[in-house]
Amino acid sequence: MHKKSLWSGVAAGYAVSVLASLLTAPKSGKDYRRKVSSGAGTVQQTPARIKGKANARSDKLYESGKIRYELLHGKLDNIRLEARIKGASSMQYQSMQKPADK
């Protein structure tokens, strides 16, 4: 099943259940209109609220990844530096061990 059709079915089921509960509840028309209008406002605000949360989470993940990258890159630079130092000292040690050609 595709995600789009799943969410369409969930939304349709939600709308039908809201409508059924409104029509079967023992309230006056004025109360229904007030309830429907407040519910419509909530529904209209939901996408913006979800988008804001998604953007905040995305920014947080980006910053976390950036910090981890910088830490790993710094560790890699330290390893490279240590390797160069060890390589240079090893070459110096080997040059001292070779007998001089006479």
Protein backbone atom coordinates (compact mmCIF):
# COMPACT_ATOMS: atom_id res chain seq x y z
CA MET A 1 0.00 0.00 0.00
CA HIS A 2 1.30 3.44 -0.86
CA LYS A 3 1.81 5.96 1.91
CA LYS A 4 -0.21 8.56 0.04
CA SER A 5 -3.27 6.33 -0.22
CA LEU A 6 -2.87 5.29 3.42
CA TRP A 7 -2.84 8.90 4.63
CA SER A 8 -5.74 9.77 2.31
CA GLY A 9 -7.75 6.94 3.87
CA VAL A 10 -6.83 8.07 7.38
CA ALA A 11 -7.87 11.65 6.60
CA ALA A 12 -11.14 10.52 5.01
CA GLY A 13 -11.91 8.28 8.00
CA TYR A 14 -11.18 11.12 10.38
CA ALA A 15 -13.45 13.49 8.46
CA VAL A 16 -16.29 10.95 8.39
CA SER A 17 -15.96 10.25 12.12
CA VAL A 18 -15.98 13.98 12.95
CA LEU A 19 -19.04 14.53 10.81
CA ALA A 20 -20.84 11.53 12.32
CA SER A 21 -20.08 12.67 15.86
CA LEU A 22 -21.33 16.18 15.08
CA LEU A 23 -24.57 14.92 13.57
CA THR A 24 -25.36 12.48 16.38
CA ALA A 25 -24.42 14.66 19.35
CA PRO A 26 -27.30 16.33 21.25
CA LYS A 27 -26.33 20.00 20.82
CA SER A 28 -27.89 23.04 19.20
CA GLY A 29 -26.94 24.28 15.73
CA LYS A 30 -25.18 27.27 17.23
CA ASP A 31 -22.91 24.98 19.28
CA TYR A 32 -22.21 22.86 16.21
CA ARG A 33 -21.20 25.88 14.13
CA ARG A 34 -18.90 27.11 16.89
CA LYS A 35 -17.33 23.67 17.26
CA VAL A 36 -16.89 23.22 13.50
CA SER A 37 -15.35 26.68 13.06
CA SER A 38 -12.88 26.13 15.92
CA GLY A 39 -12.01 22.71 14.51
CA ALA A 40 -11.45 24.19 11.07
CA GLY A 41 -9.02 26.71 12.53
CA THR A 42 -7.11 23.92 14.23
CA VAL A 43 -6.99 21.90 11.01
CA GLN A 44 -5.72 24.93 9.07
CA GLN A 45 -2.92 25.53 11.59
CA THR A 46 -1.78 21.90 11.71
CA PRO A 47 0.34 21.87 8.51
CA ALA A 48 2.20 25.03 9.54
CA ARG A 49 2.83 23.60 13.01
CA ILE A 50 4.09 20.30 11.57
CA LYS A 51 6.30 22.17 9.08
CA GLY A 52 7.79 24.25 11.90
CA LYS A 53 8.55 21.16 13.96
CA ALA A 54 10.08 19.41 10.94
CA ASN A 55 12.26 22.42 10.14
CA ALA A 56 13.43 22.68 13.75
CA ARG A 57 14.28 18.97 13.82
CA SER A 58 16.05 19.22 10.47
CA ASP A 59 18.14 22.15 11.70
CA LYS A 60 19.01 20.27 14.88
CA LEU A 61 20.08 17.16 12.93
CA TYR A 62 22.13 19.30 10.54
CA GLU A 63 23.97 21.00 13.40
CA SER A 64 24.56 17.67 15.12
CA GLY A 65 25.97 16.19 11.92
CA LYS A 66 28.13 19.24 11.33
CA ILE A 67 29.63 19.02 14.83
CA ARG A 68 30.30 15.29 14.42
CA TYR A 69 31.93 15.89 11.06
CA GLU A 70 34.19 18.57 12.52
CA LEU A 71 35.17 16.32 15.42
CA LEU A 72 35.98 13.40 13.12
CA HIS A 73 37.85 15.67 10.71
CA GLY A 74 39.91 17.03 13.64
CA LYS A 75 40.72 13.49 14.81
CA LEU A 76 41.73 12.57 11.28
CA ASP A 77 44.06 15.58 11.11
CA ASN A 78 45.64 14.50 14.41
CA ILE A 79 46.17 10.97 13.10
CA ARG A 80 47.78 12.32 9.92
CA LEU A 81 50.08 14.57 11.95
CA GLU A 82 51.10 11.69 14.23
CA ALA A 83 51.78 9.52 11.17
CA ARG A 84 54.00 12.20 9.63
CA ILE A 85 55.91 12.64 12.88
CA LYS A 86 56.41 8.89 13.28
CA GLY A 87 57.38 8.55 9.63
CA ALA A 88 59.92 11.35 9.90
CA SER A 89 61.41 9.98 13.11
CA SER A 90 61.55 6.48 11.59
CA MET A 91 63.38 7.80 8.53
CA GLN A 92 65.80 9.69 10.75
CA TYR A 93 66.41 6.57 12.85
CA GLN A 94 67.03 4.47 9.71
CA SER A 95 69.47 7.00 8.31
CA MET A 96 71.43 6.87 11.57
CA GLN A 97 71.56 3.06 11.45
CA LYS A 98 73.01 2.78 7.91
CA PRO A 99 76.77 2.55 7.82
CA ALA A 100 78.45 5.40 6.05
CA ASP A 101 79.95 4.49 2.68
CA LYS A 102 83.72 5.00 2.74
